[in-house]
């Protein structure tokens, strides 16, 4: 299952950086392709390449943050007809502006060259991409380091009385069915009041786990009488608190093992286990990170902030395989990683500047996937042996079927922050939308105009998908504005 510590990554992971060679490539590409044609020398620039950092691109480890920023402009969206992974037919490595400035371009679906310019897609994985660009990934010889879990003092909790009026019936703009999931009929009730900082979900055959953190917005004005964090569990009979304290310490819920051990992304770059209400430090990864769990096991792939191995880059991510017994360094990726996904056979990381990294558990070295369509990718999900989905920073889904790339429009104009898939169906969410997609197209289940914030996503099957919604108009009521909802394949149900 995928977690974004949110990745899942954790707050203030890596700042948005654009490699210094990007400008040189743009100049060189223009000299070769534009050949002095002034009308072709200017192309629109996507929000992905904002040198000051895309304010809407979630940083690794930011599971739930204030998502009140406006949607990105549609003028910067990719035209699928121009979105060639290897850049053939384009006048530069920058984002495509959606206008056909060349006499012909390769077909983005079958990768075949339909005109005098361009070339078929090369193998998307390799040491050198189109034009012989070197890989941004440096694998290392795996060297296991023992992990010795140590106890962590559990923060205290002081009960308080919520004197807000009872929560009325919830009737949001998004279609909703009857409340409940299995035998659980009472909705989630936050034990705190304030501003939601973390809202992380993890669902498996045992039930649904929900990590929720609330902080004061303006304590002096009396708006936030109590803040804190809780880990809740619902096995289909109702919500139970597993962890409750008056502090904000965990940035995200990375996953839960089949033995019910929750793993949290703790502040200051630490993986923490929750066993029977007690906290155990698993490993310190040295800084903010993104992580993905392998099924319901105690195995996690982690990409933590580190120093670049190439002077052309400002930052990098150190990628490791972590279990309850050992940590194994796999290599370094020069760039910023934002999303992670893992299965027992492979792991994927996605990030800025079309950086996508793959690791095969069969012993192959860490490597960069080449010829990824231009963009910034906060979310990734693997499909089968070679396929994958990416969610980009301008609301599109990018699909690779093992042979060629295609683009699926979602109707969303803000970053796709999280993906979860089952069989041929992919579920996605942005800060204000929730939907599902196949390679043929996408549909929205919660549209941006519903006025809801969408914080987290997880699932068990296509009929058991769970999402965290926030309706700010309910902040004045008991239990607060956050709702956990179950999607049964047709409609959402508060639970």
Protein backbone atom coordinates (compact mmCIF):
# COMPACT_ATOMS: atom_id res chain seq x y z
CA UNK A 1 0.00 0.00 0.00
CA UNK A 2 1.15 3.46 -0.62
CA UNK A 3 1.69 6.05 2.00
CA UNK A 4 2.90 9.51 1.48
CA UNK A 5 4.68 10.82 4.44
CA UNK A 6 2.86 13.09 3.38
CA UNK A 7 4.90 10.21 2.55
CA UNK A 8 4.68 10.15 3.00
CA UNK A 9 6.75 12.13 3.38
CA UNK A 10 7.22 14.34 6.16
CA UNK A 11 7.07 18.07 6.60
CA UNK A 12 9.65 20.25 4.85
CA UNK A 13 11.41 17.40 3.13
CA UNK A 14 13.33 18.74 0.18
CA UNK A 15 12.88 22.16 -1.30
CA UNK A 16 11.94 22.49 -4.93
CA UNK A 17 15.14 22.76 -6.90
CA UNK A 18 15.77 23.03 -10.62
CA UNK A 19 19.15 21.63 -11.75
CA UNK A 20 21.51 24.24 -13.17
CA UNK A 21 21.88 22.23 -16.35
CA UNK A 22 18.19 22.69 -17.15
CA UNK A 23 18.73 26.18 -18.53
CA UNK A 24 21.69 25.03 -20.61
CA UNK A 25 19.61 22.25 -22.13
CA UNK A 26 16.86 24.69 -23.03
CA UNK A 27 19.35 26.97 -24.80
CA UNK A 28 21.04 24.11 -26.60
CA UNK A 29 17.75 22.57 -27.67
CA UNK A 30 16.50 25.88 -29.02
CA UNK A 31 19.69 26.47 -31.02
CA UNK A 32 19.30 23.07 -32.63
CA UNK A 33 15.55 22.96 -33.16
CA UNK A 34 14.44 26.57 -33.49
CA UNK A 35 17.18 27.56 -35.98
CA UNK A 36 16.40 31.20 -35.62
CA UNK A 37 12.62 30.95 -36.02
CA UNK A 38 11.53 33.51 -33.47
CA UNK A 39 7.97 32.22 -33.35
CA UNK A 40 9.28 28.87 -32.12
CA UNK A 41 11.77 30.14 -29.59
CA UNK A 42 9.19 30.84 -26.89
CA UNK A 43 7.23 27.99 -25.39
CA UNK A 44 5.02 28.04 -22.36
CA UNK A 45 6.54 26.85 -19.11
CA UNK A 46 4.67 24.51 -16.81
CA UNK A 47 4.19 25.25 -13.16
CA UNK A 48 6.37 22.19 -12.58
CA UNK A 49 9.46 24.20 -13.50
CA UNK A 50 8.87 27.17 -11.24
CA UNK A 51 12.39 27.94 -9.99
CA UNK A 52 10.96 29.21 -6.73
CA UNK A 53 9.10 25.98 -6.07
CA UNK A 54 5.54 25.05 -7.00
CA UNK A 55 3.46 26.18 -4.07
CA UNK A 56 0.89 23.54 -4.92
CA UNK A 57 3.31 20.64 -5.19
CA UNK A 58 3.20 18.82 -1.86
CA UNK A 59 6.56 18.26 -0.26
CA UNK A 60 7.43 14.73 0.79
CA UNK A 61 6.04 13.86 4.16
CA UNK A 62 3.15 16.30 4.07
CA UNK A 63 0.21 14.02 4.65
CA UNK A 64 -2.27 16.68 5.51
CA UNK A 65 -1.66 20.34 5.21
CA UNK A 66 -3.73 23.42 4.57
CA UNK A 67 -4.88 23.00 0.98
CA UNK A 68 -6.62 26.28 0.38
CA UNK A 69 -4.37 27.28 -2.51
CA UNK A 70 -6.11 27.90 -5.81
CA UNK A 71 -5.93 25.41 -8.68
CA UNK A 72 -3.19 25.62 -11.23
CA UNK A 73 -3.85 27.18 -14.60
CA UNK A 74 -5.02 24.94 -17.37
CA UNK A 75 -2.83 26.73 -19.90
CA UNK A 76 0.13 24.73 -18.60
CA UNK A 77 -1.42 21.31 -19.06
CA UNK A 78 0.08 18.74 -21.37
CA UNK A 79 -1.57 18.07 -24.68
CA UNK A 80 -1.53 14.24 -24.90
CA UNK A 81 -0.67 14.54 -28.58
CA UNK A 82 2.52 16.38 -27.65
CA UNK A 83 3.47 14.43 -24.56
CA UNK A 84 6.24 12.27 -25.94
CA UNK A 85 8.36 10.64 -23.23
CA UNK A 86 11.62 10.94 -25.15
CA UNK A 87 11.04 14.54 -26.19
CA UNK A 88 11.11 13.71 -29.91
CA UNK A 89 9.63 16.45 -32.06
CA UNK A 90 9.80 19.00 -29.24
CA UNK A 91 12.01 22.05 -29.42
CA UNK A 92 13.34 21.64 -25.89
CA UNK A 93 13.22 19.60 -22.71
CA UNK A 94 10.69 21.93 -21.06
CA UNK A 95 6.95 21.26 -20.71
CA UNK A 96 4.91 21.14 -23.89
CA UNK A 97 2.54 24.05 -24.42
CA UNK A 98 -0.14 22.01 -26.14
CA UNK A 99 0.40 23.61 -29.55
CA UNK A 100 1.79 21.71 -32.51
CA UNK A 101 4.88 23.75 -33.40
CA UNK A 102 6.57 20.94 -35.33
CA UNK A 103 5.64 19.40 -38.70
CA UNK A 104 5.04 16.05 -37.03
CA UNK A 105 5.45 14.31 -33.68
CA UNK A 106 5.68 10.68 -32.59
CA UNK A 107 2.39 9.11 -31.58
CA UNK A 108 2.31 9.11 -27.72
CA UNK A 109 0.22 5.96 -27.64
CA UNK A 110 2.14 3.52 -29.81
CA UNK A 111 5.50 5.32 -29.82
CA UNK A 112 5.80 5.05 -33.58
CA UNK A 113 7.16 7.90 -35.69
CA UNK A 114 4.38 9.24 -37.88
CA UNK A 115 6.42 11.90 -39.66
CA UNK A 116 9.85 12.99 -40.79
CA UNK A 117 10.96 14.03 -37.30
CA UNK A 118 11.31 12.07 -34.08
CA UNK A 119 12.05 8.43 -33.36
CA UNK A 120 10.34 5.46 -31.72
CA UNK A 121 10.42 5.19 -27.94
CA UNK A 122 13.62 3.67 -26.58
CA UNK A 123 13.57 1.23 -23.71
CA UNK A 124 12.22 3.37 -20.83
CA UNK A 125 14.65 1.89 -18.36
CA UNK A 126 18.39 2.13 -18.78
CA UNK A 127 21.60 3.89 -17.96
CA UNK A 128 21.18 6.50 -20.67
CA UNK A 129 18.05 8.23 -21.83
CA UNK A 130 17.26 10.01 -25.07
CA UNK A 131 20.27 12.04 -26.10
CA UNK A 132 22.59 9.99 -23.88
CA UNK A 133 21.77 11.78 -20.64
CA UNK A 134 23.44 10.14 -17.64
CA UNK A 135 21.35 8.52 -14.95
CA UNK A 136 20.55 10.58 -11.88
CA UNK A 137 20.65 7.42 -9.76
CA UNK A 138 23.79 5.98 -8.19
CA UNK A 139 23.22 2.48 -6.79
CA UNK A 140 25.38 1.16 -3.96
CA UNK A 141 26.41 -2.29 -2.89
CA UNK A 142 23.75 -3.35 -0.33
CA UNK A 143 25.20 -3.46 3.17
CA UNK A 144 22.74 -4.44 5.91
CA UNK A 145 22.92 -2.51 9.17
CA UNK A 146 21.20 -4.09 12.23
CA UNK A 147 18.13 -2.32 13.62
CA UNK A 148 17.52 -2.37 17.35
CA UNK A 149 14.13 -0.91 18.28
CA UNK A 150 14.26 1.30 21.38
CA UNK A 151 11.34 2.55 23.50
CA UNK A 152 10.13 6.13 23.12
CA UNK A 153 8.29 7.95 25.91
CA UNK A 154 4.61 8.26 25.06
CA UNK A 155 3.34 11.86 25.21
CA UNK A 156 0.65 12.50 27.80
CA UNK A 157 -3.02 13.24 27.28
CA UNK A 158 -5.15 15.54 29.42
CA UNK A 159 -8.91 15.11 28.82
CA UNK A 160 -10.98 18.18 28.10
CA UNK A 161 -14.69 18.91 27.68
CA UNK A 162 -15.90 19.75 24.19
CA UNK A 163 -18.63 22.33 24.75
CA UNK A 164 -19.45 22.88 21.11
CA UNK A 165 -23.01 22.04 20.01
CA UNK A 166 -23.71 18.53 18.66
CA UNK A 167 -22.81 17.88 15.05
CA UNK A 168 -25.90 18.08 12.78
CA UNK A 169 -26.61 15.73 9.89
CA UNK A 170 -23.98 16.09 7.22
CA UNK A 171 -25.30 16.94 3.76
CA UNK A 172 -22.29 17.90 1.61
CA UNK A 173 -22.44 18.84 -2.06
CA UNK A 174 -20.85 15.48 -2.94
CA UNK A 175 -23.35 12.58 -3.18
CA UNK A 176 -23.48 10.52 0.03
CA UNK A 177 -25.22 7.29 0.98
CA UNK A 178 -26.29 6.12 4.42
CA UNK A 179 -23.74 6.32 7.22
CA UNK A 180 -21.81 3.25 8.28
CA UNK A 181 -19.40 0.53 7.23
CA UNK A 182 -20.20 -3.10 8.08
CA UNK A 183 -21.53 -2.95 11.67
CA UNK A 184 -19.95 0.41 12.40
CA UNK A 185 -22.62 3.12 12.31
CA UNK A 186 -21.22 5.97 14.42
CA UNK A 187 -19.00 8.35 12.46
CA UNK A 188 -15.46 9.30 13.40
CA UNK A 189 -15.41 11.92 16.18
CA UNK A 190 -12.24 13.94 16.65
CA UNK A 191 -11.15 14.23 20.29
CA UNK A 192 -9.53 17.59 19.47
CA UNK A 193 -10.45 20.90 17.91
CA UNK A 194 -8.36 23.16 15.72
CA UNK A 195 -6.57 22.95 12.39
CA UNK A 196 -6.00 19.52 10.80
CA UNK A 197 -2.29 18.99 10.25
CA UNK A 198 -2.16 15.23 9.59
CA UNK A 199 -4.81 12.87 8.31
CA UNK A 200 -3.32 9.53 7.26
CA UNK A 201 -5.23 6.36 6.34
CA UNK A 202 -4.15 2.74 6.05
CA UNK A 203 -6.66 -0.01 5.23
CA UNK A 204 -6.24 -3.77 5.01
CA UNK A 205 -8.24 -6.94 5.62
CA UNK A 206 -8.15 -6.28 9.37
CA UNK A 207 -9.78 -2.86 9.15
CA UNK A 208 -9.09 0.86 8.77
CA UNK A 209 -6.44 2.81 10.68
CA UNK A 210 -6.60 6.60 10.87
CA UNK A 211 -3.92 8.97 12.19
CA UNK A 212 -5.29 12.46 12.90
CA UNK A 213 -3.40 15.47 14.25
CA UNK A 214 -4.93 18.85 15.15
CA UNK A 215 -3.05 22.00 16.09
CA UNK A 216 -4.14 25.39 17.37
CA UNK A 217 -4.73 28.11 14.82
CA UNK A 218 -5.13 30.93 17.31
CA UNK A 219 -4.99 29.76 20.92
CA UNK A 220 -4.86 33.28 22.33
CA UNK A 221 -8.22 34.08 20.75
CA UNK A 222 -9.73 30.95 22.27
CA UNK A 223 -10.33 29.28 18.91
CA UNK A 224 -8.37 26.17 19.86
CA UNK A 225 -9.07 24.99 23.41
CA UNK A 226 -7.33 21.65 22.82
CA UNK A 227 -4.92 20.13 20.31
CA UNK A 228 -3.31 16.74 19.92
CA UNK A 229 -2.95 13.57 17.90
CA UNK A 230 -4.75 10.23 17.85
CA UNK A 231 -4.41 6.89 16.09
CA UNK A 232 -7.83 5.28 15.62
CA UNK A 233 -8.84 1.81 14.43
CA UNK A 234 -12.12 0.54 12.97
CA UNK A 235 -12.54 -3.18 12.31
CA UNK A 236 -16.12 -2.76 11.14
CA UNK A 237 -17.65 -2.52 14.61
CA UNK A 238 -16.71 1.08 15.48
CA UNK A 239 -13.81 3.42 16.14
CA UNK A 240 -11.31 2.62 18.89
CA UNK A 241 -8.43 4.81 20.05
CA UNK A 242 -4.99 3.15 19.94
CA UNK A 243 -2.95 6.26 20.69
CA UNK A 244 -3.97 9.60 22.19
CA UNK A 245 -1.80 12.50 23.34
CA UNK A 246 -1.65 16.31 23.53
CA UNK A 247 1.04 16.96 20.97
CA UNK A 248 1.76 16.81 17.27
CA UNK A 249 4.62 14.35 16.74
CA UNK A 250 3.82 12.06 13.79
CA UNK A 251 3.75 13.34 10.21
CA UNK A 252 1.99 10.35 8.69
CA UNK A 253 0.82 6.78 9.02
CA UNK A 254 3.10 4.76 6.73
CA UNK A 255 1.37 1.43 7.16
CA UNK A 256 0.18 -1.33 9.48
CA UNK A 257 1.52 -4.88 9.60
CA UNK A 258 -0.71 -7.95 9.59
CA UNK A 259 0.01 -8.19 13.33
CA UNK A 260 -1.54 -4.78 13.91
CA UNK A 261 1.73 -2.91 14.43
CA UNK A 262 1.38 0.62 13.04
CA UNK A 263 4.44 2.40 11.63
CA UNK A 264 4.48 6.19 11.78
CA UNK A 265 6.64 8.82 10.13
CA UNK A 266 7.79 10.66 13.25
CA UNK A 267 9.10 14.18 13.27
CA UNK A 268 12.84 14.67 12.73
CA UNK A 269 13.08 11.75 10.29
CA UNK A 270 12.31 8.69 12.41
CA UNK A 271 10.26 5.55 11.81
CA UNK A 272 8.21 4.73 14.90
CA UNK A 273 6.30 1.53 15.68
CA UNK A 274 3.11 1.53 17.74
CA UNK A 275 2.71 -1.73 19.67
CA UNK A 276 -0.12 -2.06 22.18
CA UNK A 277 -0.18 1.68 22.75
CA UNK A 278 3.59 1.93 23.26
CA UNK A 279 6.05 3.69 20.96
CA UNK A 280 9.26 2.13 19.67
CA UNK A 281 11.91 3.86 17.58
CA UNK A 282 12.65 1.62 14.61
CA UNK A 283 15.26 3.63 12.68
CA UNK A 284 16.42 7.21 12.27
CA UNK A 285 16.67 7.92 8.55
CA UNK A 286 18.40 11.26 9.06
CA UNK A 287 15.75 13.70 7.87
CA UNK A 288 12.34 14.08 6.24
CA UNK A 289 11.43 11.21 3.94
CA UNK A 290 8.92 9.42 1.75
CA UNK A 291 8.18 5.76 2.37
CA UNK A 292 6.14 2.82 1.09
CA UNK A 293 5.17 -0.40 2.85
CA UNK A 294 5.43 -3.83 1.20
CA UNK A 295 1.96 -5.26 1.70
CA UNK A 296 1.13 -5.80 5.37
CA UNK A 297 4.71 -6.78 6.25
CA UNK A 298 7.33 -5.04 8.37
CA UNK A 299 9.30 -4.12 5.23
CA UNK A 300 9.47 -0.52 4.03
CA UNK A 301 11.26 1.34 1.27
CA UNK A 302 12.42 4.77 2.44
CA UNK A 303 13.85 7.76 0.54
CA UNK A 304 15.35 10.30 2.93
CA UNK A 305 16.77 13.76 2.28
CA UNK A 306 20.50 13.67 1.65
CA UNK A 307 23.40 15.35 -0.14
CA UNK A 308 23.67 15.13 -3.92
CA UNK A 309 26.44 12.97 -5.37
CA UNK A 310 26.65 15.22 -8.44
CA UNK A 311 27.55 18.92 -8.14
CA UNK A 312 24.95 19.71 -10.81
CA UNK A 313 22.22 19.00 -8.25
CA UNK A 314 21.27 20.88 -5.11
CA UNK A 315 19.69 17.94 -3.26
CA UNK A 316 19.24 14.19 -3.31
CA UNK A 317 17.45 11.28 -1.65
CA UNK A 318 19.12 8.29 0.01
CA UNK A 319 17.04 5.19 -0.67
CA UNK A 320 17.00 2.28 1.78
CA UNK A 321 15.14 -0.94 2.49
CA UNK A 322 14.11 -1.06 6.17
CA UNK A 323 12.71 -3.93 8.22
CA UNK A 324 12.30 -4.44 11.96
CA UNK A 325 15.70 -6.19 11.95
CA UNK A 326 17.90 -4.29 9.51
CA UNK A 327 18.35 -1.30 7.21
CA UNK A 328 19.96 -1.73 3.79
CA UNK A 329 21.19 1.25 1.75
CA UNK A 330 20.31 0.84 -1.95
CA UNK A 331 21.65 4.05 -3.46
CA UNK A 332 21.12 7.75 -4.04
CA UNK A 333 18.84 9.64 -6.42
CA UNK A 334 19.94 13.17 -7.31
CA UNK A 335 16.80 15.27 -7.16
CA UNK A 336 13.63 15.64 -5.10
CA UNK A 337 11.41 12.60 -4.48
CA UNK A 338 7.78 13.17 -3.52
CA UNK A 339 5.96 9.83 -3.74
CA UNK A 340 6.57 6.13 -3.12
CA UNK A 341 4.97 2.75 -3.81
CA UNK A 342 6.12 -0.81 -3.16
CA UNK A 343 5.20 -4.45 -3.65
CA UNK A 344 7.11 -7.62 -2.84
CA UNK A 345 8.74 -7.52 -6.29
CA UNK A 346 9.47 -3.85 -6.95
CA UNK A 347 9.50 -0.35 -5.50
CA UNK A 348 8.93 2.98 -7.24
CA UNK A 349 9.71 6.56 -6.26
CA UNK A 350 8.54 9.66 -8.13
CA UNK A 351 9.52 13.30 -7.88
CA UNK A 352 10.31 16.59 -9.53
CA UNK A 353 11.81 17.04 -12.99
CA UNK A 354 10.32 13.72 -14.22
CA UNK A 355 12.51 11.76 -11.80
CA UNK A 356 11.18 8.21 -11.38
CA UNK A 357 13.29 5.56 -9.65
CA UNK A 358 12.76 1.80 -9.64
CA UNK A 359 14.18 -1.04 -7.57
CA UNK A 360 13.60 -4.74 -8.23
CA UNK A 361 13.74 -7.04 -5.22
CA UNK A 362 15.33 -9.77 -7.35
CA UNK A 363 18.71 -8.19 -6.73
CA UNK A 364 18.85 -5.71 -9.60
CA UNK A 365 20.45 -2.37 -8.83
CA UNK A 366 18.51 0.80 -8.17
CA UNK A 367 17.90 2.61 -11.46
CA UNK A 368 16.20 5.60 -13.04
CA UNK A 369 13.29 5.11 -15.44
CA UNK A 370 14.11 7.15 -18.52
CA UNK A 371 11.92 9.04 -21.01
CA UNK A 372 9.27 9.88 -18.45
CA UNK A 373 6.98 12.67 -19.75
CA UNK A 374 8.09 16.09 -18.58
CA UNK A 375 6.59 17.12 -15.25
CA UNK A 376 6.62 16.93 -11.49
CA UNK A 377 5.05 13.81 -9.99
CA UNK A 378 3.89 13.83 -6.34
CA UNK A 379 2.29 10.35 -6.62
CA UNK A 380 3.14 6.96 -8.11
CA UNK A 381 1.49 3.52 -8.24
CA UNK A 382 2.88 0.34 -9.79
CA UNK A 383 0.88 -2.02 -12.02
CA UNK A 384 1.99 -5.55 -12.84
CA UNK A 385 5.58 -6.31 -13.77
CA UNK A 386 6.42 -3.12 -15.67
CA UNK A 387 3.42 -0.77 -15.71
CA UNK A 388 2.87 2.27 -13.55
CA UNK A 389 0.69 5.30 -12.94
CA UNK A 390 1.94 8.79 -12.09
CA UNK A 391 -0.02 11.75 -10.77
CA UNK A 392 1.44 15.09 -11.81
CA UNK A 393 1.35 18.58 -10.35
CA UNK A 394 -1.24 19.89 -12.81
CA UNK A 395 -3.96 17.32 -12.20
CA UNK A 396 -3.21 14.72 -14.85
CA UNK A 397 -2.61 10.99 -14.63
CA UNK A 398 0.21 9.56 -16.73
CA UNK A 399 0.06 5.84 -17.52
CA UNK A 400 2.81 3.51 -18.71
CA UNK A 401 1.63 0.06 -19.84
CA UNK A 402 5.10 -1.43 -20.22
CA UNK A 403 5.47 -0.25 -23.83
CA UNK A 404 4.25 3.32 -24.19
CA UNK A 405 2.97 6.35 -22.26
CA UNK A 406 -0.47 7.95 -22.31
CA UNK A 407 -2.20 10.79 -20.47
CA UNK A 408 -5.56 10.62 -18.71
CA UNK A 409 -7.31 13.90 -17.94
CA UNK A 410 -9.01 13.97 -14.53
CA UNK A 411 -10.91 17.25 -14.60
CA UNK A 412 -8.68 18.49 -11.78
CA UNK A 413 -6.33 21.48 -12.03
CA UNK A 414 -4.27 20.93 -8.87
CA UNK A 415 -1.59 18.37 -7.94
CA UNK A 416 -2.58 14.71 -7.78
CA UNK A 417 -1.27 13.93 -4.30
CA UNK A 418 -2.04 10.24 -3.79
CA UNK A 419 -2.90 7.08 -5.74
CA UNK A 420 -4.30 3.70 -4.77
CA UNK A 421 -5.10 0.92 -7.21
CA UNK A 422 -6.70 -2.50 -7.48
CA UNK A 423 -6.74 -4.64 -10.62
CA UNK A 424 -7.30 -2.30 -13.57
CA UNK A 425 -8.84 0.53 -11.54
CA UNK A 426 -6.90 3.42 -10.08
CA UNK A 427 -8.23 5.79 -7.40
CA UNK A 428 -6.71 9.23 -7.06
CA UNK A 429 -7.06 12.33 -4.95
CA UNK A 430 -5.96 15.91 -4.99
CA UNK A 431 -6.39 18.45 -2.22
CA UNK A 432 -10.04 18.99 -3.16
CA UNK A 433 -11.07 16.05 -5.37
CA UNK A 434 -11.38 12.26 -5.32
CA UNK A 435 -11.92 10.01 -8.33
CA UNK A 436 -11.16 6.79 -10.14
CA UNK A 437 -9.64 6.01 -13.50
CA UNK A 438 -8.66 3.36 -15.99
CA UNK A 439 -6.46 3.72 -19.04
CA UNK A 440 -9.64 4.67 -20.94
CA UNK A 441 -10.54 7.70 -18.80
CA UNK A 442 -11.35 9.13 -15.37
CA UNK A 443 -14.40 10.18 -13.38
CA UNK A 444 -14.72 12.34 -10.28
CA UNK A 445 -16.48 11.03 -7.19
CA UNK A 446 -15.84 14.20 -5.22
CA UNK A 447 -15.44 17.23 -7.49
CA UNK A 448 -13.47 20.35 -6.53
CA UNK A 449 -16.67 22.44 -6.51
CA UNK A 450 -18.05 20.33 -3.62
CA UNK A 451 -16.11 22.61 -1.28
CA UNK A 452 -14.41 19.77 0.60
CA UNK A 453 -10.76 19.17 1.44
CA UNK A 454 -9.55 15.63 0.65
CA UNK A 455 -6.72 14.52 2.92
CA UNK A 456 -5.95 10.82 2.50
CA UNK A 457 -6.77 7.68 0.54
CA UNK A 458 -6.45 3.92 1.05
CA UNK A 459 -8.30 0.77 0.11
CA UNK A 460 -8.85 -2.96 0.33
CA UNK A 461 -10.72 -3.57 -2.93
CA UNK A 462 -12.61 -1.54 -5.53
CA UNK A 463 -15.68 -1.86 -3.27
CA UNK A 464 -13.80 -0.94 -0.10
CA UNK A 465 -12.00 2.36 -0.67
CA UNK A 466 -11.60 4.89 2.13
CA UNK A 467 -10.98 8.62 2.01
CA UNK A 468 -10.68 11.44 4.56
CA UNK A 469 -12.85 14.48 3.87
CA UNK A 470 -12.97 17.80 5.68
CA UNK A 471 -15.94 20.20 5.67
CA UNK A 472 -14.76 23.43 7.27
CA UNK A 473 -18.33 24.55 7.93
CA UNK A 474 -18.46 21.89 10.68
CA UNK A 475 -15.52 23.21 12.70
CA UNK A 476 -17.95 24.88 15.10
CA UNK A 477 -19.59 21.59 16.04
CA UNK A 478 -18.73 18.75 18.40
CA UNK A 479 -16.50 16.09 16.75
CA UNK A 480 -15.19 18.66 14.29
CA UNK A 481 -14.99 18.99 10.52
CA UNK A 482 -13.15 15.77 9.56
CA UNK A 483 -15.08 12.78 8.19
CA UNK A 484 -13.83 9.35 7.16
CA UNK A 485 -15.86 8.01 4.24
CA UNK A 486 -16.20 4.56 2.66
CA UNK A 487 -16.69 4.20 -1.10
CA UNK A 488 -18.57 0.99 -1.96
CA UNK A 489 -17.92 1.18 -5.70
CA UNK A 490 -20.96 3.37 -6.32
CA UNK A 491 -21.35 5.98 -3.56
CA UNK A 492 -19.60 7.34 -0.49
CA UNK A 493 -20.78 6.61 3.07
CA UNK A 494 -19.65 8.54 6.17
CA UNK A 495 -18.19 6.12 8.74
